[in-house]
Amino acid sequence: MSEISEYINGVVLLIGFTILYFTTKNLLPSYFSEKGKNLANKKDISELTSKVEEVKIEFAERLQHLKSKLDVKSQNELNFKNDTRQVVLSCHQKLDLLHQHLSDTFNQPSNYYNQTEITDRVEKTRLFAQDFARSHSIFDLYVEDDKLLDDFRKVRKSYIDLTNVVISGLVSLERNLEKRDLQDFKAEHDEIYEIYRKLSFESTSECHNSTADYRGRLRSYLRELYN
């Protein structure tokens, strides 16, 4: 804020001196052209002094008005930076939560024969995905860096794809549990589970690839918001 204030004061002083210069430049030639070579009497000096004072008052009023406008503009810019920083941090907190949940879902040992547990995981995955979707919609509105937005959309797509893979795999397991009375049920169920894990790992790899360069660009963008 100190740098912004110094900048504003510098602009204000420059404008002030400019106004005073042109005012004096216009008044004095006019004054001396009317009087010619005669010396200014006391009445003339009084009139000139009065005009100068009027100009000084007008200048001070304009100066104050301009400074107020600049102060408001700088404060608005600062507020926007703060809001943008909060939006960016919130969005990536949601992304990290989604990432952790997806990783836990297909990495941690679970009873994939338990329909209640599978259904619960499907619902939680949808909730984490919805939270991230809401936050990244706001992210798009605030962030003004086009390159960062392009990279972020790639990251977002990779996580949407991973989310779809996880939900699709879990739903397939959930539906297959309805066939538990069939003779080949266990072999088929285990096969669905292995396919689900394989696709999940492949999609996770895509997520890592998309975030490799993005994280560095994001850190640079956040540093700019803190300056």
Protein backbone atom coordinates (compact mmCIF):
# COMPACT_ATOMS: atom_id res chain seq x y z
CA MET A 1 0.00 0.00 0.00
CA SER A 2 2.96 2.41 0.71
CA GLU A 3 4.10 2.10 -2.91
CA ILE A 4 0.58 2.79 -4.17
CA SER A 5 0.31 5.87 -1.88
CA GLU A 6 3.66 7.22 -3.08
CA TYR A 7 2.57 6.69 -6.67
CA ILE A 8 -0.73 8.51 -6.07
CA ASN A 9 1.03 11.45 -4.34
CA GLY A 10 3.48 11.72 -7.22
CA VAL A 11 0.68 11.79 -9.79
CA VAL A 12 -1.26 14.35 -7.75
CA LEU A 13 1.76 16.67 -7.37
CA LEU A 14 2.56 16.44 -11.07
CA ILE A 15 -1.01 17.35 -12.04
CA GLY A 16 -1.04 20.14 -9.47
CA PHE A 17 2.13 21.77 -10.72
CA THR A 18 0.89 21.45 -14.28
CA ILE A 19 -2.40 23.22 -13.49
CA LEU A 20 -0.60 25.97 -11.54
CA TYR A 21 1.94 26.45 -14.32
CA PHE A 22 -0.64 26.88 -17.09
CA THR A 23 -2.84 29.05 -14.91
CA THR A 24 0.03 31.40 -14.09
CA LYS A 25 1.17 31.32 -17.69
CA ASN A 26 -2.28 32.47 -18.86
CA LEU A 27 -2.88 35.05 -16.11
CA LEU A 28 0.39 36.94 -16.14
CA PRO A 29 0.63 37.68 -19.89
CA SER A 30 -2.98 38.82 -19.83
CA TYR A 31 -2.29 41.06 -16.90
CA PHE A 32 0.83 42.66 -18.31
CA SER A 33 -0.68 43.09 -21.76
CA GLU A 34 -3.47 45.17 -20.27
CA LYS A 35 -1.12 47.34 -18.24
CA GLY A 36 1.56 47.66 -20.84
CA LYS A 37 4.69 49.10 -19.38
CA ASN A 38 2.97 50.78 -16.42
CA LEU A 39 3.69 49.47 -12.96
CA ALA A 40 0.88 47.59 -11.27
CA ASN A 41 -0.80 49.69 -8.62
CA LYS A 42 -2.11 48.35 -5.34
CA LYS A 43 -5.56 47.68 -6.77
CA ASP A 44 -4.08 45.66 -9.62
CA ILE A 45 -1.93 43.68 -7.23
CA SER A 46 -4.95 43.00 -5.05
CA GLU A 47 -6.95 41.77 -8.04
CA LEU A 48 -4.10 39.59 -9.22
CA THR A 49 -3.61 38.16 -5.74
CA SER A 50 -7.33 37.44 -5.52
CA LYS A 51 -7.29 35.62 -8.85
CA VAL A 52 -4.28 33.58 -7.79
CA GLU A 53 -6.03 32.64 -4.56
CA GLU A 54 -9.12 31.58 -6.48
CA VAL A 55 -6.98 29.40 -8.70
CA LYS A 56 -5.25 27.88 -5.68
CA ILE A 57 -8.59 27.05 -4.08
CA GLU A 58 -9.91 25.53 -7.30
CA PHE A 59 -6.70 23.57 -7.70
CA ALA A 60 -6.90 22.26 -4.12
CA GLU A 61 -10.49 21.10 -4.69
CA ARG A 62 -9.58 19.34 -7.94
CA LEU A 63 -6.55 17.85 -6.25
CA GLN A 64 -8.62 16.43 -3.43
CA HIS A 65 -11.22 15.06 -5.85
CA LEU A 66 -8.57 13.37 -7.97
CA LYS A 67 -6.79 11.92 -4.94
CA SER A 68 -10.08 10.53 -3.63
CA LYS A 69 -10.78 8.85 -6.98
CA LEU A 70 -7.28 7.35 -7.07
CA ASP A 71 -7.62 6.12 -3.48
CA VAL A 72 -10.92 4.43 -4.30
CA LYS A 73 -9.46 2.83 -7.43
CA SER A 74 -6.41 1.49 -5.59
CA GLN A 75 -8.60 0.14 -2.79
CA ASN A 76 -10.89 -1.59 -5.29
CA GLU A 77 -7.88 -3.16 -6.97
CA LEU A 78 -6.57 -4.34 -3.61
CA ASN A 79 -9.97 -5.79 -2.68
CA PHE A 80 -10.17 -7.63 -6.01
CA LYS A 81 -6.70 -9.10 -5.44
CA ASN A 82 -7.70 -10.30 -1.99
CA ASP A 83 -10.93 -11.82 -3.30
CA THR A 84 -9.10 -13.52 -6.17
CA ARG A 85 -6.52 -14.97 -3.80
CA GLN A 86 -9.25 -16.43 -1.59
CA VAL A 87 -11.08 -17.89 -4.61
CA VAL A 88 -7.91 -19.53 -5.95
CA LEU A 89 -6.97 -21.00 -2.57
CA SER A 90 -10.50 -22.26 -1.93
CA CYS A 91 -10.72 -23.89 -5.36
CA HIS A 92 -7.47 -25.79 -4.86
CA GLN A 93 -8.44 -26.86 -1.38
CA LYS A 94 -11.50 -28.49 -2.95
CA LEU A 95 -9.32 -30.03 -5.63
CA ASP A 96 -6.94 -31.46 -3.03
CA LEU A 97 -9.87 -32.93 -1.09
CA LEU A 98 -11.23 -34.54 -4.27
CA HIS A 99 -7.79 -35.91 -5.14
CA GLN A 100 -7.32 -37.40 -1.67
CA HIS A 101 -10.77 -38.97 -1.70
CA LEU A 102 -10.30 -40.51 -5.15
CA SER A 103 -6.89 -41.89 -4.17
CA ASP A 104 -8.28 -43.41 -0.98
CA THR A 105 -11.22 -44.91 -2.85
CA PHE A 106 -9.19 -47.16 -5.13
CA ASN A 107 -5.93 -47.44 -3.14
CA GLN A 108 -7.12 -48.40 0.32
CA PRO A 109 -8.26 -51.98 0.88
CA SER A 110 -12.02 -52.12 0.93
CA ASN A 111 -14.75 -54.70 0.93
CA TYR A 112 -15.88 -54.46 -2.68
CA TYR A 113 -18.41 -57.16 -1.96
CA ASN A 114 -20.21 -54.87 0.50
CA GLN A 115 -22.97 -53.02 -1.33
CA THR A 116 -23.53 -50.48 1.47
CA GLU A 117 -19.87 -49.49 1.48
CA ILE A 118 -19.75 -49.17 -2.31
CA THR A 119 -22.92 -47.04 -2.37
CA ASP A 120 -21.48 -44.79 0.34
CA ARG A 121 -18.29 -44.29 -1.67
CA VAL A 122 -20.25 -43.39 -4.78
CA GLU A 123 -22.23 -40.73 -2.92
CA LYS A 124 -19.13 -39.24 -1.26
CA THR A 125 -17.32 -39.11 -4.59
CA ARG A 126 -20.21 -37.20 -6.13
CA LEU A 127 -20.26 -34.73 -3.24
CA PHE A 128 -16.51 -34.01 -3.47
CA ALA A 129 -16.84 -33.60 -7.25
CA GLN A 130 -19.77 -31.20 -6.87
CA ASP A 131 -17.87 -29.06 -4.33
CA PHE A 132 -14.95 -28.81 -6.73
CA ALA A 133 -17.27 -27.99 -9.66
CA ARG A 134 -18.79 -25.05 -7.77
CA SER A 135 -15.40 -23.68 -6.77
CA HIS A 136 -13.82 -23.96 -10.24
CA SER A 137 -16.79 -22.08 -11.76
CA ILE A 138 -15.97 -19.10 -9.51
CA PHE A 139 -12.25 -19.55 -10.28
CA ASP A 140 -12.99 -18.96 -13.98
CA LEU A 141 -14.72 -15.65 -13.15
CA TYR A 142 -11.89 -14.17 -11.09
CA VAL A 143 -8.63 -15.33 -12.65
CA GLU A 144 -7.42 -13.05 -15.47
CA ASP A 145 -4.33 -15.02 -16.54
CA ASP A 146 -5.32 -16.77 -19.79
CA LYS A 147 -2.40 -19.21 -19.73
CA LEU A 148 -3.15 -20.20 -16.16
CA LEU A 149 -6.82 -20.71 -17.07
CA ASP A 150 -5.89 -22.92 -20.03
CA ASP A 151 -3.64 -25.07 -17.84
CA PHE A 152 -6.27 -25.22 -15.12
CA ARG A 153 -8.91 -26.45 -17.58
CA LYS A 154 -6.61 -29.34 -18.50
CA VAL A 155 -6.21 -30.19 -14.83
CA ARG A 156 -9.95 -29.93 -14.29
CA LYS A 157 -10.67 -32.24 -17.24
CA SER A 158 -8.22 -34.86 -16.00
CA TYR A 159 -9.89 -34.92 -12.58
CA ILE A 160 -13.37 -35.02 -14.08
CA ASP A 161 -12.25 -38.02 -16.16
CA LEU A 162 -10.80 -39.71 -13.07
CA THR A 163 -13.99 -39.04 -11.12
CA ASN A 164 -16.07 -40.59 -13.89
CA VAL A 165 -13.83 -43.65 -13.99
CA VAL A 166 -14.13 -44.14 -10.23
CA ILE A 167 -17.90 -43.66 -10.13
CA SER A 168 -18.42 -45.88 -13.18
CA GLY A 169 -16.29 -48.64 -11.66
CA LEU A 170 -18.05 -48.47 -8.31
CA VAL A 171 -21.48 -48.50 -9.93
CA SER A 172 -20.49 -51.54 -12.00
CA LEU A 173 -19.44 -53.34 -8.81
CA GLU A 174 -22.64 -52.25 -7.11
CA ARG A 175 -24.84 -53.57 -9.91
CA ASN A 176 -22.89 -56.80 -10.22
CA LEU A 177 -23.62 -57.58 -6.57
CA GLU A 178 -27.19 -58.28 -7.68
CA LYS A 179 -25.81 -61.39 -9.43
CA ARG A 180 -24.15 -62.81 -6.34
CA ASP A 181 -26.28 -65.96 -6.57
CA LEU A 182 -24.93 -66.87 -10.02
CA GLN A 183 -22.21 -69.51 -10.36
CA ASP A 184 -19.54 -67.30 -11.99
CA PHE A 185 -20.32 -64.25 -9.84
CA LYS A 186 -17.04 -64.10 -7.86
CA ALA A 187 -14.78 -64.41 -10.92
CA GLU A 188 -16.75 -61.77 -12.77
CA HIS A 189 -16.82 -59.46 -9.78
CA ASP A 190 -13.07 -59.73 -9.23
CA GLU A 191 -12.49 -59.00 -12.91
CA ILE A 192 -14.64 -55.85 -12.75
CA TYR A 193 -12.69 -54.74 -9.68
CA GLU A 194 -9.31 -55.22 -11.36
CA ILE A 195 -10.45 -53.32 -14.46
CA TYR A 196 -11.74 -50.53 -12.23
CA ARG A 197 -8.40 -50.24 -10.41
CA LYS A 198 -6.39 -50.37 -13.65
CA LEU A 199 -8.42 -47.56 -15.26
CA SER A 200 -8.25 -45.54 -12.05
CA PHE A 201 -4.45 -45.73 -11.95
CA GLU A 202 -4.20 -44.74 -15.62
CA SER A 203 -6.45 -41.73 -15.05
CA THR A 204 -4.45 -40.77 -11.96
CA SER A 205 -1.32 -40.72 -14.11
CA GLU A 206 -3.06 -38.28 -16.46
CA CYS A 207 -3.89 -36.07 -13.48
CA HIS A 208 -0.24 -35.98 -12.41
CA ASN A 209 0.90 -35.11 -15.94
CA SER A 210 -1.59 -32.25 -16.25
CA THR A 211 -0.61 -30.73 -12.90
CA ALA A 212 3.19 -30.89 -13.38
CA ASP A 213 3.62 -27.49 -15.09
CA TYR A 214 0.41 -26.01 -13.73
CA ARG A 215 1.51 -25.99 -10.09
CA GLY A 216 4.56 -23.85 -10.87
CA ARG A 217 2.50 -21.33 -12.82
CA LEU A 218 -0.06 -21.24 -10.01
CA ARG A 219 2.62 -20.43 -7.41
CA SER A 220 3.88 -17.54 -9.57
CA TYR A 221 0.34 -16.20 -9.94
CA LEU A 222 -0.25 -16.34 -6.19
CA ARG A 223 2.99 -14.47 -5.53
CA GLU A 224 1.73 -11.68 -7.79
CA LEU A 225 -1.52 -11.51 -5.83
CA TYR A 226 0.39 -11.16 -2.55
CA ASN A 227 2.52 -8.26 -3.86
